Amino acid sequence: MKPAARAVWGGYSGYFADPDGHLWEAAFAPGFPVSPDGTIEISD
C-alpha cells in the first residue's frame, strides 16, 4: 500500500490492496478531462 501523494504528472496517485490481496491504484488526474462515456484522451 502507498498513501495517495502528488504525482509528477500533476495529479495524485496511491495504492491499496483489496481483501484478496490484489493491488489497486487510485488516481486523480485534473489535467485529463473525462468524456461522457468515462474515457480520457491523452495526446502527445
Protein backbone atom coordinates (compact mmCIF):
# COMPACT_ATOMS: atom_id res chain seq x y z
CA MET A 1 0.00 0.00 0.00
CA LYS A 2 1.08 3.55 -0.69
CA PRO A 3 -0.91 6.54 0.55
CA ALA A 4 -2.07 8.99 -2.08
CA ALA A 5 0.53 11.64 -2.89
CA ARG A 6 1.13 14.27 -5.57
CA ALA A 7 2.43 12.68 -8.77
CA VAL A 8 4.95 14.16 -11.21
CA TRP A 9 2.20 14.46 -13.86
CA GLY A 10 0.22 16.90 -11.69
CA GLY A 11 -2.42 14.68 -10.12
CA TYR A 12 -2.50 12.33 -7.15
CA SER A 13 -1.93 8.59 -7.04
CA GLY A 14 -1.93 5.90 -4.35
CA TYR A 15 -2.21 2.14 -3.98
CA PHE A 16 -4.24 -0.18 -1.78
CA ALA A 17 -4.85 -3.92 -1.53
CA ASP A 18 -8.34 -5.43 -1.58
CA PRO A 19 -9.31 -8.23 0.87
CA ASP A 20 -7.96 -10.85 -1.57
CA GLY A 21 -4.57 -9.12 -1.70
CA HIS A 22 -4.94 -7.66 -5.20
CA LEU A 23 -3.17 -4.31 -5.58
CA TRP A 24 -5.22 -1.39 -6.96
CA GLU A 25 -4.21 2.11 -7.96
CA ALA A 26 -6.50 5.07 -7.33
CA ALA A 27 -5.63 8.26 -9.18
CA PHE A 28 -6.98 11.77 -9.62
CA ALA A 29 -5.92 13.45 -12.85
CA PRO A 30 -7.32 17.00 -13.02
CA GLY A 31 -5.49 17.74 -16.29
CA PHE A 32 -7.31 15.00 -18.22
CA PRO A 33 -10.95 15.86 -18.94
CA VAL A 34 -13.31 12.88 -18.82
CA SER A 35 -15.66 12.25 -21.77
CA PRO A 36 -19.33 11.44 -21.12
CA ASP A 37 -18.55 7.75 -21.70
CA GLY A 38 -15.92 7.83 -18.92
CA THR A 39 -12.82 7.70 -21.12
CA ILE A 40 -9.92 10.14 -21.32
CA GLU A 41 -7.81 11.07 -24.32
CA ILE A 42 -4.07 11.52 -23.91
CA SER A 43 -2.29 13.19 -26.81
CA ASP A 44 1.41 13.68 -27.48
